[in-house]
Amino acid sequence: ANFALKFGPAEYFLLMLLTLSAIVSLSIGKMIKGFLAMSLGLLLSTVGIDTQTGVYRFTLGIPHFSEGIDFLIVIIGVYAIGEVLYNFLM
């Protein structure tokens, strides 16, 4: 935890660069799917209050979105949608 607390803007930038390059390298052969997944992830991560300026981003006037979208809810939704589509198509 102490190591993570020492992260500054440069470290966050390098961490983002590492994740984006990992997405590109892992999606060889399926670049469109990788690009769509990356875009959706970046879009979901921008919902909430900007920590630098305090401006509400992409909340659509819904107060519950001011804290951002919880990661656990997104993962449960992704698995639920996948299961529904699997049962629907089979």
C-alpha atoms as a PDB file:
ATOM      1  CA  ALA A   1       0.000   0.000   0.000  1.00  0.00           C
ATOM      2  CA  ASN A   2       2.861   2.389   0.710  1.00  0.00           C
ATOM      3  CA  PHE A   3       4.239   1.806  -2.783  1.00  0.00           C
ATOM      4  CA  ALA A   4       0.867   2.627  -4.365  1.00  0.00           C
ATOM      5  CA  LEU A   5       0.544   5.821  -2.309  1.00  0.00           C
ATOM      6  CA  LYS A   6       3.793   7.108  -3.800  1.00  0.00           C
ATOM      7  CA  PHE A   7       2.346   7.047  -7.337  1.00  0.00           C
ATOM      8  CA  GLY A   8       2.382  10.417  -9.037  1.00  0.00           C
ATOM      9  CA  PRO A   9       1.247  11.621 -12.461  1.00  0.00           C
ATOM     10  CA  ALA A  10       4.261  10.109 -14.242  1.00  0.00           C
ATOM     11  CA  GLU A  11       3.671   6.675 -12.732  1.00  0.00           C
ATOM     12  CA  TYR A  12      -0.026   6.757 -13.591  1.00  0.00           C
ATOM     13  CA  PHE A  13       0.841   7.717 -17.164  1.00  0.00           C
ATOM     14  CA  LEU A  14       3.285   4.825 -17.477  1.00  0.00           C
ATOM     15  CA  LEU A  15       0.739   2.433 -15.959  1.00  0.00           C
ATOM     16  CA  MET A  16      -1.864   3.549 -18.507  1.00  0.00           C
ATOM     17  CA  LEU A  17       0.679   3.193 -21.309  1.00  0.00           C
ATOM     18  CA  LEU A  18       1.501  -0.331 -20.106  1.00  0.00           C
ATOM     19  CA  THR A  19      -2.149  -1.370 -20.055  1.00  0.00           C
ATOM     20  CA  LEU A  20      -2.876   0.067 -23.496  1.00  0.00           C
ATOM     21  CA  SER A  21       0.167  -1.635 -24.983  1.00  0.00           C
ATOM     22  CA  ALA A  22      -0.815  -4.912 -23.288  1.00  0.00           C
ATOM     23  CA  ILE A  23      -4.269  -4.688 -24.882  1.00  0.00           C
ATOM     24  CA  VAL A  24      -2.742  -4.122 -28.305  1.00  0.00           C
ATOM     25  CA  SER A  25      -0.262  -6.982 -27.954  1.00  0.00           C
ATOM     26  CA  LEU A  26      -2.880  -9.425 -26.638  1.00  0.00           C
ATOM     27  CA  SER A  27      -5.417  -8.681 -29.366  1.00  0.00           C
ATOM     28  CA  ILE A  28      -3.244  -9.581 -32.360  1.00  0.00           C
ATOM     29  CA  GLY A  29      -5.512 -11.021 -35.027  1.00  0.00           C
ATOM     30  CA  LYS A  30      -8.615  -9.495 -33.417  1.00  0.00           C
ATOM     31  CA  MET A  31      -7.660  -5.837 -33.410  1.00  0.00           C
ATOM     32  CA  ILE A  32     -11.195  -4.494 -33.836  1.00  0.00           C
ATOM     33  CA  LYS A  33     -12.446  -6.484 -30.855  1.00  0.00           C
ATOM     34  CA  GLY A  34      -9.483  -5.308 -28.770  1.00  0.00           C
ATOM     35  CA  PHE A  35     -10.024  -1.709 -29.816  1.00  0.00           C
ATOM     36  CA  LEU A  36     -13.729  -1.875 -28.933  1.00  0.00           C
ATOM     37  CA  ALA A  37     -12.995  -3.407 -25.535  1.00  0.00           C
ATOM     38  CA  MET A  38     -10.330  -0.794 -24.846  1.00  0.00           C
ATOM     39  CA  SER A  39     -12.650   2.047 -25.895  1.00  0.00           C
ATOM     40  CA  LEU A  40     -15.482   0.750 -23.728  1.00  0.00           C
ATOM     41  CA  GLY A  41     -13.136   0.450 -20.747  1.00  0.00           C
ATOM     42  CA  LEU A  42     -11.803   3.977 -21.221  1.00  0.00           C
ATOM     43  CA  LEU A  43     -15.349   5.305 -21.604  1.00  0.00           C
ATOM     44  CA  LEU A  44     -16.535   3.630 -18.398  1.00  0.00           C
ATOM     45  CA  SER A  45     -13.516   4.863 -16.470  1.00  0.00           C
ATOM     46  CA  THR A  46     -14.266   8.517 -17.275  1.00  0.00           C
ATOM     47  CA  VAL A  47     -17.697   8.530 -15.588  1.00  0.00           C
ATOM     48  CA  GLY A  48     -17.751  10.463 -12.307  1.00  0.00           C
ATOM     49  CA  ILE A  49     -16.174  13.529 -10.771  1.00  0.00           C
ATOM     50  CA  ASP A  50     -12.804  14.676 -12.114  1.00  0.00           C
ATOM     51  CA  THR A  51     -10.353  14.586  -9.213  1.00  0.00           C
ATOM     52  CA  GLN A  52      -8.331  17.526 -10.543  1.00  0.00           C
ATOM     53  CA  THR A  53     -11.094  20.051 -11.258  1.00  0.00           C
ATOM     54  CA  GLY A  54     -14.197  18.673  -9.532  1.00  0.00           C
ATOM     55  CA  VAL A  55     -16.191  18.740 -12.778  1.00  0.00           C
ATOM     56  CA  TYR A  56     -18.874  16.098 -13.320  1.00  0.00           C
ATOM     57  CA  ARG A  57     -18.065  13.955 -16.386  1.00  0.00           C
ATOM     58  CA  PHE A  58     -20.638  11.853 -18.249  1.00  0.00           C
ATOM     59  CA  THR A  59     -23.040  11.584 -15.299  1.00  0.00           C
ATOM     60  CA  LEU A  60     -26.091  12.458 -17.436  1.00  0.00           C
ATOM     61  CA  GLY A  61     -27.562  14.343 -14.475  1.00  0.00           C
ATOM     62  CA  ILE A  62     -27.827  11.149 -12.380  1.00  0.00           C
ATOM     63  CA  PRO A  63     -26.403  11.766  -8.887  1.00  0.00           C
ATOM     64  CA  HIS A  64     -25.443   8.098  -8.381  1.00  0.00           C
ATOM     65  CA  PHE A  65     -22.961   8.326 -11.256  1.00  0.00           C
ATOM     66  CA  SER A  66     -20.981  11.074  -9.501  1.00  0.00           C
ATOM     67  CA  GLU A  67     -18.911   8.427  -7.676  1.00  0.00           C
ATOM     68  CA  GLY A  68     -18.154   6.576 -10.906  1.00  0.00           C
ATOM     69  CA  ILE A  69     -19.145   3.088 -11.951  1.00  0.00           C
ATOM     70  CA  ASP A  70     -18.166   0.308  -9.564  1.00  0.00           C
ATOM     71  CA  PHE A  71     -15.885  -2.328 -11.075  1.00  0.00           C
ATOM     72  CA  LEU A  72     -17.755  -5.220  -9.441  1.00  0.00           C
ATOM     73  CA  ILE A  73     -21.049  -4.140 -10.981  1.00  0.00           C
ATOM     74  CA  VAL A  74     -19.485  -3.946 -14.443  1.00  0.00           C
ATOM     75  CA  ILE A  75     -17.967  -7.439 -14.134  1.00  0.00           C
ATOM     76  CA  ILE A  76     -21.250  -8.967 -12.926  1.00  0.00           C
ATOM     77  CA  GLY A  77     -23.067  -7.263 -15.792  1.00  0.00           C
ATOM     78  CA  VAL A  78     -20.582  -8.509 -18.381  1.00  0.00           C
ATOM     79  CA  TYR A  79     -20.901 -12.094 -17.181  1.00  0.00           C
ATOM     80  CA  ALA A  80     -24.696 -11.829 -16.960  1.00  0.00           C
ATOM     81  CA  ILE A  81     -25.001 -10.454 -20.502  1.00  0.00           C
ATOM     82  CA  GLY A  82     -22.721 -13.205 -21.788  1.00  0.00           C
ATOM     83  CA  GLU A  83     -24.798 -15.889 -20.093  1.00  0.00           C
ATOM     84  CA  VAL A  84     -28.071 -14.430 -21.361  1.00  0.00           C
ATOM     85  CA  LEU A  85     -26.750 -14.296 -24.923  1.00  0.00           C
ATOM     86  CA  TYR A  86     -25.410 -17.846 -24.650  1.00  0.00           C
ATOM     87  CA  ASN A  87     -28.774 -19.184 -23.440  1.00  0.00           C
ATOM     88  CA  PHE A  88     -30.638 -17.142 -26.044  1.00  0.00           C
ATOM     89  CA  LEU A  89     -28.563 -18.422 -28.958  1.00  0.00           C
ATOM     90  CA  MET A  90     -28.518 -22.077 -27.875  1.00  0.00           C
END
